[in-house]
Amino acid sequence: MASHCLLAVKAIPNAPRSEVVGWLGSCLKVKVHAPPVGGRANDALCEFLAAALGLRRQAVSVVRGETSRQKTLRIDGLSRPELDAHLSRAFLR
């Protein structure tokens, strides 16, 4: 059975560029370049995190909070410890 995990994210749309800002409690704060119109910010968020984690785009999806800044993402292909280790290495040194 393939591993997956859930990740709480606070998304900030309309940023100058997409980037991980850091942790806000147990929530990962991520700025995305796209505007929150027609689901474009959600798509940009999923695409950005998938690329950063070395996963295919379809491996990252919004499962809660489609129209909110507070979102829950499903990450397929990584367990939570693997995700945390990768985030620590890649963004939050």
Protein backbone atom coordinates (compact mmCIF):
# COMPACT_ATOMS: atom_id res chain seq x y z
CA MET A 1 0.00 0.00 0.00
CA ALA A 2 1.39 3.40 -0.97
CA SER A 3 2.16 5.83 1.82
CA HIS A 4 0.53 9.21 2.15
CA CYS A 5 0.16 11.93 4.74
CA LEU A 6 -1.79 15.10 5.43
CA LEU A 7 -0.20 18.52 5.72
CA ALA A 8 -1.81 21.64 7.19
CA VAL A 9 -0.91 24.70 5.11
CA LYS A 10 -1.60 28.40 5.35
CA ALA A 11 -1.52 29.67 1.78
CA ILE A 12 -0.79 33.32 0.99
CA PRO A 13 -1.88 34.08 -2.62
CA ASN A 14 -0.66 36.94 -4.85
CA ALA A 15 2.91 36.81 -3.55
CA PRO A 16 5.80 38.10 -5.70
CA ARG A 17 7.04 34.49 -5.96
CA SER A 18 6.11 31.05 -4.64
CA GLU A 19 8.10 30.04 -1.57
CA VAL A 20 7.90 28.25 1.76
CA VAL A 21 8.03 30.83 4.53
CA GLY A 22 8.22 28.53 7.56
CA TRP A 23 6.10 26.94 10.24
CA LEU A 24 3.20 28.73 11.87
CA GLY A 25 2.59 26.37 14.78
CA SER A 26 1.91 23.00 13.14
CA CYS A 27 0.92 24.64 9.85
CA LEU A 28 3.34 25.18 6.95
CA LYS A 29 3.12 28.76 5.63
CA VAL A 30 3.52 28.95 1.86
CA LYS A 31 3.36 31.99 -0.41
CA VAL A 32 2.07 31.38 -3.93
CA HIS A 33 2.42 33.67 -6.91
CA ALA A 34 -1.03 32.92 -8.36
CA PRO A 35 -4.19 34.85 -7.47
CA PRO A 36 -7.04 33.14 -5.60
CA VAL A 37 -9.30 33.14 -8.66
CA GLY A 38 -10.80 30.05 -10.21
CA GLY A 39 -8.68 27.69 -8.15
CA ARG A 40 -5.43 28.99 -9.63
CA ALA A 41 -3.79 29.53 -6.22
CA ASN A 42 -4.66 25.96 -5.19
CA ASP A 43 -3.21 24.59 -8.42
CA ALA A 44 -0.06 26.70 -8.01
CA LEU A 45 0.32 25.58 -4.39
CA CYS A 46 0.02 21.89 -5.28
CA GLU A 47 2.33 22.24 -8.28
CA PHE A 48 4.96 24.15 -6.27
CA LEU A 49 5.02 21.69 -3.37
CA ALA A 50 5.01 18.66 -5.67
CA ALA A 51 8.02 20.00 -7.59
CA ALA A 52 9.82 20.94 -4.37
CA LEU A 53 9.24 17.46 -2.92
CA GLY A 54 10.24 15.67 -6.13
CA LEU A 55 6.75 14.26 -6.67
CA ARG A 56 4.45 14.31 -9.69
CA ARG A 57 1.80 17.05 -9.66
CA GLN A 58 -1.04 14.58 -9.07
CA ALA A 59 0.57 13.42 -5.80
CA VAL A 60 -0.41 16.66 -4.03
CA SER A 61 -4.07 17.61 -3.64
CA VAL A 62 -6.25 19.89 -1.53
CA VAL A 63 -8.61 17.81 0.61
CA ARG A 64 -9.95 20.60 2.83
CA GLY A 65 -10.11 24.38 2.56
CA GLU A 66 -10.55 24.90 -1.19
CA THR A 67 -11.64 28.53 -0.69
CA SER A 68 -9.78 29.24 2.56
CA ARG A 69 -6.19 30.20 3.30
CA GLN A 70 -6.12 27.35 5.84
CA LYS A 71 -5.86 24.15 3.82
CA THR A 72 -5.21 20.48 4.34
CA LEU A 73 -3.16 18.85 1.59
CA ARG A 74 -2.83 15.15 0.90
CA ILE A 75 0.70 14.16 -0.10
CA ASP A 76 0.85 10.76 -1.82
CA GLY A 77 4.13 8.87 -1.89
CA LEU A 78 5.58 10.16 1.39
CA SER A 79 4.97 9.24 5.01
CA ARG A 80 4.79 12.07 7.54
CA PRO A 81 8.34 11.45 8.87
CA GLU A 82 9.67 11.44 5.27
CA LEU A 83 7.80 14.67 4.52
CA ASP A 84 9.08 16.39 7.67
CA ALA A 85 12.66 15.33 6.93
CA HIS A 86 12.43 16.59 3.36
CA LEU A 87 10.91 19.93 4.39
CA SER A 88 13.63 20.41 7.01
CA ARG A 89 16.39 19.72 4.48
CA ALA A 90 14.92 21.65 1.59
CA PHE A 91 13.41 24.77 3.14
CA LEU A 92 13.78 25.19 6.85
CA ARG A 93 17.46 24.99 7.65
